Amino acid sequence: MPRVCVFDVNETLLDLGALDPHFEQAFGNAGMRRAWFLQLLQSALVATVTGAYSDFGTIGGAALEMVAEREGVELSDEDKQRILGGMRELPPHPEVAESLDLLRDAGLRLATLTNSTQQVAQAQMDNSGLRDYFEQILSADDVKRLKPAPEPYRMAAQSLGVEVEGVCLVAAHAWDVAGALRAGCAAAFVARPGMVLDPLVERPDVVGADLREVAESILEAEKA
């Protein structure tokens, strides 16, 4: 396994469930958070495939408007700010800090790679208390191409001073794993509830139910 682990942020490290009360207040249904994030991912993929770049936050706002229109809900500016601003203040999943401790203590290099802008990514790491684990906080916005396009993974490798095959991307999204593998990285999949791998994509090197399992498997592979 590569000794450089690059982590996706939203859902992989940080818990989007913290936004549920905001969706309950705005839509009367906390479950609309999942509908919004799926629309955000779909819109981001469409933008990437068609070459019409917008930053992730702008896409997130547009996706929120689409979901509101679909549901026949009038969102106030305060509703929008609570939801979109809440992305900066997401807490880590319970096992994340101890899992990062395991990897860091074993001498692995750690960084993050997110579709969020640099400003949002920095705020997320600062507010979650995870900043000190990572030597670099990287944003796909720097190359104006969102994951799973190959450019962000290649940029991460270049920024960290390694070949792309020297990077292991850790993510809870099948599309992110697919992008990393097809860009030449290794990958590890965090199979959080509801997350499954795409059978049309080669299986990543490591799969675990949470980040603790993934970290332990990465370290076992290191020993082997």
C-alpha atoms as a PDB file:
ATOM      1  CA  MET A   1       0.000   0.000   0.000  1.00  0.00           C
ATOM      2  CA  PRO A   2       1.171   3.582  -0.655  1.00  0.00           C
ATOM      3  CA  ARG A   3       2.350   5.507   2.396  1.00  0.00           C
ATOM      4  CA  VAL A   4       0.442   8.631   1.394  1.00  0.00           C
ATOM      5  CA  CYS A   5      -3.272   8.559   2.292  1.00  0.00           C
ATOM      6  CA  VAL A   6      -5.483  11.274   0.842  1.00  0.00           C
ATOM      7  CA  PHE A   7      -8.959  11.534   2.355  1.00  0.00           C
ATOM      8  CA  ASP A   8     -12.224  12.716   0.908  1.00  0.00           C
ATOM      9  CA  VAL A   9     -13.941  14.956   3.465  1.00  0.00           C
ATOM     10  CA  ASN A  10     -17.752  15.077   3.259  1.00  0.00           C
ATOM     11  CA  GLU A  11     -19.272  11.815   4.542  1.00  0.00           C
ATOM     12  CA  THR A  12     -15.865  10.136   4.653  1.00  0.00           C
ATOM     13  CA  LEU A  13     -14.467  12.162   7.567  1.00  0.00           C
ATOM     14  CA  LEU A  14     -17.345  14.484   8.452  1.00  0.00           C
ATOM     15  CA  ASP A  15     -20.956  13.629   9.284  1.00  0.00           C
ATOM     16  CA  LEU A  16     -23.509  15.309   7.038  1.00  0.00           C
ATOM     17  CA  GLY A  17     -26.207  14.098   9.441  1.00  0.00           C
ATOM     18  CA  ALA A  18     -25.502  17.242  11.464  1.00  0.00           C
ATOM     19  CA  LEU A  19     -27.453  19.137   8.792  1.00  0.00           C
ATOM     20  CA  ASP A  20     -30.633  17.132   9.414  1.00  0.00           C
ATOM     21  CA  PRO A  21     -32.171  19.609  11.895  1.00  0.00           C
ATOM     22  CA  HIS A  22     -31.745  22.396   9.328  1.00  0.00           C
ATOM     23  CA  PHE A  23     -33.566  20.334   6.695  1.00  0.00           C
ATOM     24  CA  GLU A  24     -36.265  19.446   9.219  1.00  0.00           C
ATOM     25  CA  GLN A  25     -36.795  23.140   9.870  1.00  0.00           C
ATOM     26  CA  ALA A  26     -36.744  24.164   6.195  1.00  0.00           C
ATOM     27  CA  PHE A  27     -38.578  21.231   4.607  1.00  0.00           C
ATOM     28  CA  GLY A  28     -40.350  19.566   7.515  1.00  0.00           C
ATOM     29  CA  ASN A  29     -38.400  16.433   6.614  1.00  0.00           C
ATOM     30  CA  ALA A  30     -34.824  15.702   7.680  1.00  0.00           C
ATOM     31  CA  GLY A  31     -34.628  13.090   4.918  1.00  0.00           C
ATOM     32  CA  MET A  32     -34.436  15.858   2.336  1.00  0.00           C
ATOM     33  CA  ARG A  33     -30.778  16.247   3.275  1.00  0.00           C
ATOM     34  CA  ARG A  34     -29.991  13.065   1.363  1.00  0.00           C
ATOM     35  CA  ALA A  35     -32.053  14.215  -1.619  1.00  0.00           C
ATOM     36  CA  TRP A  36     -30.145  17.495  -1.642  1.00  0.00           C
ATOM     37  CA  PHE A  37     -26.710  15.894  -1.455  1.00  0.00           C
ATOM     38  CA  LEU A  38     -27.569  13.426  -4.217  1.00  0.00           C
ATOM     39  CA  GLN A  39     -28.730  16.334  -6.392  1.00  0.00           C
ATOM     40  CA  LEU A  40     -25.522  18.190  -5.546  1.00  0.00           C
ATOM     41  CA  LEU A  41     -23.413  15.218  -6.637  1.00  0.00           C
ATOM     42  CA  GLN A  42     -25.458  14.737  -9.806  1.00  0.00           C
ATOM     43  CA  SER A  43     -25.155  18.412 -10.735  1.00  0.00           C
ATOM     44  CA  ALA A  44     -21.419  18.370 -10.006  1.00  0.00           C
ATOM     45  CA  LEU A  45     -20.941  15.323 -12.227  1.00  0.00           C
ATOM     46  CA  VAL A  46     -22.934  16.934 -15.034  1.00  0.00           C
ATOM     47  CA  ALA A  47     -20.821  20.082 -14.791  1.00  0.00           C
ATOM     48  CA  THR A  48     -17.608  18.054 -14.831  1.00  0.00           C
ATOM     49  CA  VAL A  49     -18.608  15.855 -17.770  1.00  0.00           C
ATOM     50  CA  THR A  50     -19.818  18.802 -19.847  1.00  0.00           C
ATOM     51  CA  GLY A  51     -16.845  21.035 -18.981  1.00  0.00           C
ATOM     52  CA  ALA A  52     -18.962  23.829 -17.463  1.00  0.00           C
ATOM     53  CA  TYR A  53     -17.127  24.473 -14.197  1.00  0.00           C
ATOM     54  CA  SER A  54     -18.764  25.973 -11.132  1.00  0.00           C
ATOM     55  CA  ASP A  55     -17.352  25.704  -7.644  1.00  0.00           C
ATOM     56  CA  PHE A  56     -18.875  23.131  -5.299  1.00  0.00           C
ATOM     57  CA  GLY A  57     -20.575  25.704  -3.092  1.00  0.00           C
ATOM     58  CA  THR A  58     -22.314  27.331  -6.057  1.00  0.00           C
ATOM     59  CA  ILE A  59     -23.490  23.930  -7.222  1.00  0.00           C
ATOM     60  CA  GLY A  60     -24.690  23.174  -3.696  1.00  0.00           C
ATOM     61  CA  GLY A  61     -26.818  26.308  -3.666  1.00  0.00           C
ATOM     62  CA  ALA A  62     -28.310  25.503  -7.061  1.00  0.00           C
ATOM     63  CA  ALA A  63     -29.034  21.930  -5.972  1.00  0.00           C
ATOM     64  CA  LEU A  64     -30.846  23.266  -2.900  1.00  0.00           C
ATOM     65  CA  GLU A  65     -33.022  25.458  -5.101  1.00  0.00           C
ATOM     66  CA  MET A  66     -33.809  22.471  -7.337  1.00  0.00           C
ATOM     67  CA  VAL A  67     -34.875  20.312  -4.399  1.00  0.00           C
ATOM     68  CA  ALA A  68     -36.989  23.126  -2.958  1.00  0.00           C
ATOM     69  CA  GLU A  69     -38.729  23.659  -6.308  1.00  0.00           C
ATOM     70  CA  ARG A  70     -39.307  19.934  -6.688  1.00  0.00           C
ATOM     71  CA  GLU A  71     -40.882  19.796  -3.224  1.00  0.00           C
ATOM     72  CA  GLY A  72     -42.865  23.011  -3.637  1.00  0.00           C
ATOM     73  CA  VAL A  73     -41.064  24.648  -0.706  1.00  0.00           C
ATOM     74  CA  GLU A  74     -40.179  28.338  -0.467  1.00  0.00           C
ATOM     75  CA  LEU A  75     -36.807  28.578   1.252  1.00  0.00           C
ATOM     76  CA  SER A  76     -35.905  31.737   3.144  1.00  0.00           C
ATOM     77  CA  ASP A  77     -32.436  33.226   2.920  1.00  0.00           C
ATOM     78  CA  GLU A  78     -31.963  32.129   6.531  1.00  0.00           C
ATOM     79  CA  ASP A  79     -32.838  28.524   5.618  1.00  0.00           C
ATOM     80  CA  LYS A  80     -30.304  28.556   2.795  1.00  0.00           C
ATOM     81  CA  GLN A  81     -27.598  30.056   4.992  1.00  0.00           C
ATOM     82  CA  ARG A  82     -28.183  27.555   7.791  1.00  0.00           C
ATOM     83  CA  ILE A  83     -27.842  24.621   5.382  1.00  0.00           C
ATOM     84  CA  LEU A  84     -24.999  25.845   3.197  1.00  0.00           C
ATOM     85  CA  GLY A  85     -23.144  27.513   6.059  1.00  0.00           C
ATOM     86  CA  GLY A  86     -23.582  24.352   8.106  1.00  0.00           C
ATOM     87  CA  MET A  87     -21.236  22.556   5.722  1.00  0.00           C
ATOM     88  CA  ARG A  88     -18.361  24.443   7.367  1.00  0.00           C
ATOM     89  CA  GLU A  89     -19.233  23.163  10.837  1.00  0.00           C
ATOM     90  CA  LEU A  90     -19.770  19.433  10.341  1.00  0.00           C
ATOM     91  CA  PRO A  91     -18.503  17.167  13.131  1.00  0.00           C
ATOM     92  CA  PRO A  92     -16.269  14.181  12.412  1.00  0.00           C
ATOM     93  CA  HIS A  93     -17.688  10.684  12.553  1.00  0.00           C
ATOM     94  CA  PRO A  94     -17.024   9.195  16.015  1.00  0.00           C
ATOM     95  CA  GLU A  95     -14.141   6.899  15.001  1.00  0.00           C
ATOM     96  CA  VAL A  96     -12.294   9.335  12.754  1.00  0.00           C
ATOM     97  CA  ALA A  97      -9.806  10.897  15.179  1.00  0.00           C
ATOM     98  CA  GLU A  98      -8.616   7.577  16.609  1.00  0.00           C
ATOM     99  CA  SER A  99      -8.320   6.141  13.105  1.00  0.00           C
ATOM    100  CA  LEU A 100      -6.195   9.043  11.933  1.00  0.00           C
ATOM    101  CA  ASP A 101      -4.071   8.619  15.067  1.00  0.00           C
ATOM    102  CA  LEU A 102      -3.378   5.003  14.069  1.00  0.00           C
ATOM    103  CA  LEU A 103      -2.241   5.971  10.591  1.00  0.00           C
ATOM    104  CA  ARG A 104      -0.202   8.980  11.650  1.00  0.00           C
ATOM    105  CA  ASP A 105       1.494   7.072  14.467  1.00  0.00           C
ATOM    106  CA  ALA A 106       2.492   4.412  11.926  1.00  0.00           C
ATOM    107  CA  GLY A 107       4.305   7.074   9.919  1.00  0.00           C
ATOM    108  CA  LEU A 108       1.872   7.449   7.031  1.00  0.00           C
ATOM    109  CA  ARG A 109       1.499  10.847   5.414  1.00  0.00           C
ATOM    110  CA  LEU A 110      -2.047  12.216   5.524  1.00  0.00           C
ATOM    111  CA  ALA A 111      -3.800  14.869   3.429  1.00  0.00           C
ATOM    112  CA  THR A 112      -7.356  15.706   2.372  1.00  0.00           C
ATOM    113  CA  LEU A 113      -8.773  16.193  -1.122  1.00  0.00           C
ATOM    114  CA  THR A 114     -12.263  17.638  -1.415  1.00  0.00           C
ATOM    115  CA  ASN A 115     -14.487  19.138  -4.084  1.00  0.00           C
ATOM    116  CA  SER A 116     -15.242  22.014  -1.700  1.00  0.00           C
ATOM    117  CA  THR A 117     -13.333  25.245  -2.166  1.00  0.00           C
ATOM    118  CA  GLN A 118     -10.102  25.816  -0.265  1.00  0.00           C
ATOM    119  CA  GLN A 119     -11.806  28.284   2.063  1.00  0.00           C
ATOM    120  CA  VAL A 120     -14.557  25.825   2.981  1.00  0.00           C
ATOM    121  CA  ALA A 121     -12.115  22.929   3.295  1.00  0.00           C
ATOM    122  CA  GLN A 122      -9.911  24.876   5.688  1.00  0.00           C
ATOM    123  CA  ALA A 123     -12.927  25.915   7.770  1.00  0.00           C
ATOM    124  CA  GLN A 124     -14.165  22.320   7.907  1.00  0.00           C
ATOM    125  CA  MET A 125     -10.841  21.021   9.171  1.00  0.00           C
ATOM    126  CA  ASP A 126     -10.434  23.837  11.703  1.00  0.00           C
ATOM    127  CA  ASN A 127     -13.986  23.528  13.048  1.00  0.00           C
ATOM    128  CA  SER A 128     -13.886  19.726  13.230  1.00  0.00           C
ATOM    129  CA  GLY A 129     -10.635  19.695  15.183  1.00  0.00           C
ATOM    130  CA  LEU A 130      -8.941  17.534  12.532  1.00  0.00           C
ATOM    131  CA  ARG A 131      -6.612  20.101  10.968  1.00  0.00           C
ATOM    132  CA  ASP A 132      -3.441  18.991  12.717  1.00  0.00           C
ATOM    133  CA  TYR A 133      -3.658  15.468  11.310  1.00  0.00           C
ATOM    134  CA  PHE A 134      -3.041  16.599   7.734  1.00  0.00           C
ATOM    135  CA  GLU A 135       0.048  18.012   6.095  1.00  0.00           C
ATOM    136  CA  GLN A 136      -2.011  19.492   3.245  1.00  0.00           C
ATOM    137  CA  ILE A 137      -5.665  20.459   2.711  1.00  0.00           C
ATOM    138  CA  LEU A 138      -6.263  20.168  -1.033  1.00  0.00           C
ATOM    139  CA  SER A 139      -9.199  21.381  -3.123  1.00  0.00           C
ATOM    140  CA  ALA A 140     -10.277  20.296  -6.582  1.00  0.00           C
ATOM    141  CA  ASP A 141     -11.191  23.946  -7.131  1.00  0.00           C
ATOM    142  CA  ASP A 142      -7.488  24.609  -7.677  1.00  0.00           C
ATOM    143  CA  VAL A 143      -7.603  22.740 -10.991  1.00  0.00           C
ATOM    144  CA  LYS A 144     -11.187  23.784 -11.848  1.00  0.00           C
ATOM    145  CA  ARG A 145     -12.207  20.142 -12.326  1.00  0.00           C
ATOM    146  CA  LEU A 146     -14.181  18.259  -9.712  1.00  0.00           C
ATOM    147  CA  LYS A 147     -13.612  14.673  -8.652  1.00  0.00           C
ATOM    148  CA  PRO A 148     -14.002  12.076 -10.140  1.00  0.00           C
ATOM    149  CA  ALA A 149     -12.205  13.755 -13.064  1.00  0.00           C
ATOM    150  CA  PRO A 150      -8.550  12.663 -13.029  1.00  0.00           C
ATOM    151  CA  GLU A 151      -7.043  16.134 -12.617  1.00  0.00           C
ATOM    152  CA  PRO A 152      -7.704  16.532  -8.846  1.00  0.00           C
ATOM    153  CA  TYR A 153      -6.054  13.198  -7.994  1.00  0.00           C
ATOM    154  CA  ARG A 154      -3.055  14.023 -10.155  1.00  0.00           C
ATOM    155  CA  MET A 155      -2.842  17.470  -8.575  1.00  0.00           C
ATOM    156  CA  ALA A 156      -2.855  15.878  -5.108  1.00  0.00           C
ATOM    157  CA  ALA A 157       0.009  13.559  -6.044  1.00  0.00           C
ATOM    158  CA  GLN A 158       2.020  16.438  -7.518  1.00  0.00           C
ATOM    159  CA  SER A 159       1.379  18.656  -4.501  1.00  0.00           C
ATOM    160  CA  LEU A 160       2.524  15.883  -2.166  1.00  0.00           C
ATOM    161  CA  GLY A 161       5.601  15.155  -4.261  1.00  0.00           C
ATOM    162  CA  VAL A 162       4.767  11.562  -5.200  1.00  0.00           C
ATOM    163  CA  GLU A 163       3.721   9.705  -8.320  1.00  0.00           C
ATOM    164  CA  VAL A 164      -0.026   9.192  -8.673  1.00  0.00           C
ATOM    165  CA  GLU A 165       0.363   5.472  -7.921  1.00  0.00           C
ATOM    166  CA  GLY A 166       1.926   6.530  -4.623  1.00  0.00           C
ATOM    167  CA  VAL A 167      -1.416   7.892  -3.398  1.00  0.00           C
ATOM    168  CA  CYS A 168      -4.174   5.914  -1.652  1.00  0.00           C
ATOM    169  CA  LEU A 169      -7.486   7.767  -1.857  1.00  0.00           C
ATOM    170  CA  VAL A 170      -9.795   7.023   1.095  1.00  0.00           C
ATOM    171  CA  ALA A 171     -13.460   7.745   0.414  1.00  0.00           C
ATOM    172  CA  ALA A 172     -17.015   6.742   1.277  1.00  0.00           C
ATOM    173  CA  HIS A 173     -18.242   7.295  -2.289  1.00  0.00           C
ATOM    174  CA  ALA A 174     -18.074   4.707  -5.065  1.00  0.00           C
ATOM    175  CA  TRP A 175     -17.674   7.449  -7.685  1.00  0.00           C
ATOM    176  CA  ASP A 176     -14.665   8.903  -5.833  1.00  0.00           C
ATOM    177  CA  VAL A 177     -13.059   5.466  -5.548  1.00  0.00           C
ATOM    178  CA  ALA A 178     -13.672   4.915  -9.267  1.00  0.00           C
ATOM    179  CA  GLY A 179     -12.112   8.262 -10.148  1.00  0.00           C
ATOM    180  CA  ALA A 180      -9.048   7.580  -8.043  1.00  0.00           C
ATOM    181  CA  LEU A 181      -8.495   4.076  -9.394  1.00  0.00           C
ATOM    182  CA  ARG A 182      -8.890   5.194 -12.992  1.00  0.00           C
ATOM    183  CA  ALA A 183      -6.479   8.078 -12.404  1.00  0.00           C
ATOM    184  CA  GLY A 184      -3.881   5.530 -11.271  1.00  0.00           C
ATOM    185  CA  CYS A 185      -4.193   5.799  -7.472  1.00  0.00           C
ATOM    186  CA  ALA A 186      -4.766   3.029  -4.987  1.00  0.00           C
ATOM    187  CA  ALA A 187      -8.038   3.350  -3.063  1.00  0.00           C
ATOM    188  CA  ALA A 188      -9.781   2.407   0.159  1.00  0.00           C
ATOM    189  CA  PHE A 189     -13.571   2.402   0.531  1.00  0.00           C
ATOM    190  CA  VAL A 190     -15.343   3.385   3.753  1.00  0.00           C
ATOM    191  CA  ALA A 191     -18.648   1.514   3.493  1.00  0.00           C
ATOM    192  CA  ARG A 192     -20.736   3.793   5.684  1.00  0.00           C
ATOM    193  CA  PRO A 193     -24.472   2.956   5.953  1.00  0.00           C
ATOM    194  CA  GLY A 194     -26.072   3.105   2.520  1.00  0.00           C
ATOM    195  CA  MET A 195     -22.750   3.263   0.673  1.00  0.00           C
ATOM    196  CA  VAL A 196     -21.933   0.447  -1.762  1.00  0.00           C
ATOM    197  CA  LEU A 197     -19.307  -0.133  -4.419  1.00  0.00           C
ATOM    198  CA  ASP A 198     -20.004  -0.006  -8.147  1.00  0.00           C
ATOM    199  CA  PRO A 199     -19.737  -3.545  -9.594  1.00  0.00           C
ATOM    200  CA  LEU A 200     -18.524  -2.062 -12.900  1.00  0.00           C
ATOM    201  CA  VAL A 201     -15.394  -0.683 -11.224  1.00  0.00           C
ATOM    202  CA  GLU A 202     -12.456  -2.756 -10.040  1.00  0.00           C
ATOM    203  CA  ARG A 203     -12.554  -3.452  -6.320  1.00  0.00           C
ATOM    204  CA  PRO A 204     -10.346  -1.138  -4.248  1.00  0.00           C
ATOM    205  CA  ASP A 205      -7.439  -2.481  -2.246  1.00  0.00           C
ATOM    206  CA  VAL A 206      -9.170  -1.960   1.111  1.00  0.00           C
ATOM    207  CA  VAL A 207     -12.834  -1.996   2.187  1.00  0.00           C
ATOM    208  CA  GLY A 208     -14.098  -1.413   5.732  1.00  0.00           C
ATOM    209  CA  ALA A 209     -17.365  -0.611   7.476  1.00  0.00           C
ATOM    210  CA  ASP A 210     -15.901   2.551   9.007  1.00  0.00           C
ATOM    211  CA  LEU A 211     -12.640   4.440   9.033  1.00  0.00           C
ATOM    212  CA  ARG A 212     -11.267   2.385  11.929  1.00  0.00           C
ATOM    213  CA  GLU A 213     -11.624  -0.823   9.910  1.00  0.00           C
ATOM    214  CA  VAL A 214     -10.101   0.842   6.872  1.00  0.00           C
ATOM    215  CA  ALA A 215      -7.153   2.190   8.873  1.00  0.00           C
ATOM    216  CA  GLU A 216      -6.468  -1.214  10.424  1.00  0.00           C
ATOM    217  CA  SER A 217      -6.619  -2.888   7.012  1.00  0.00           C
ATOM    218  CA  ILE A 218      -4.236  -0.320   5.520  1.00  0.00           C
ATOM    219  CA  LEU A 219      -1.768  -1.001   8.320  1.00  0.00           C
ATOM    220  CA  GLU A 220      -2.110  -4.755   7.872  1.00  0.00           C
ATOM    221  CA  ALA A 221      -1.371  -4.351   4.172  1.00  0.00           C
ATOM    222  CA  GLU A 222       1.662  -2.243   5.092  1.00  0.00           C
ATOM    223  CA  LYS A 223       3.049  -5.070   7.246  1.00  0.00           C
ATOM    224  CA  ALA A 224       2.441  -7.613   4.498  1.00  0.00           C
END
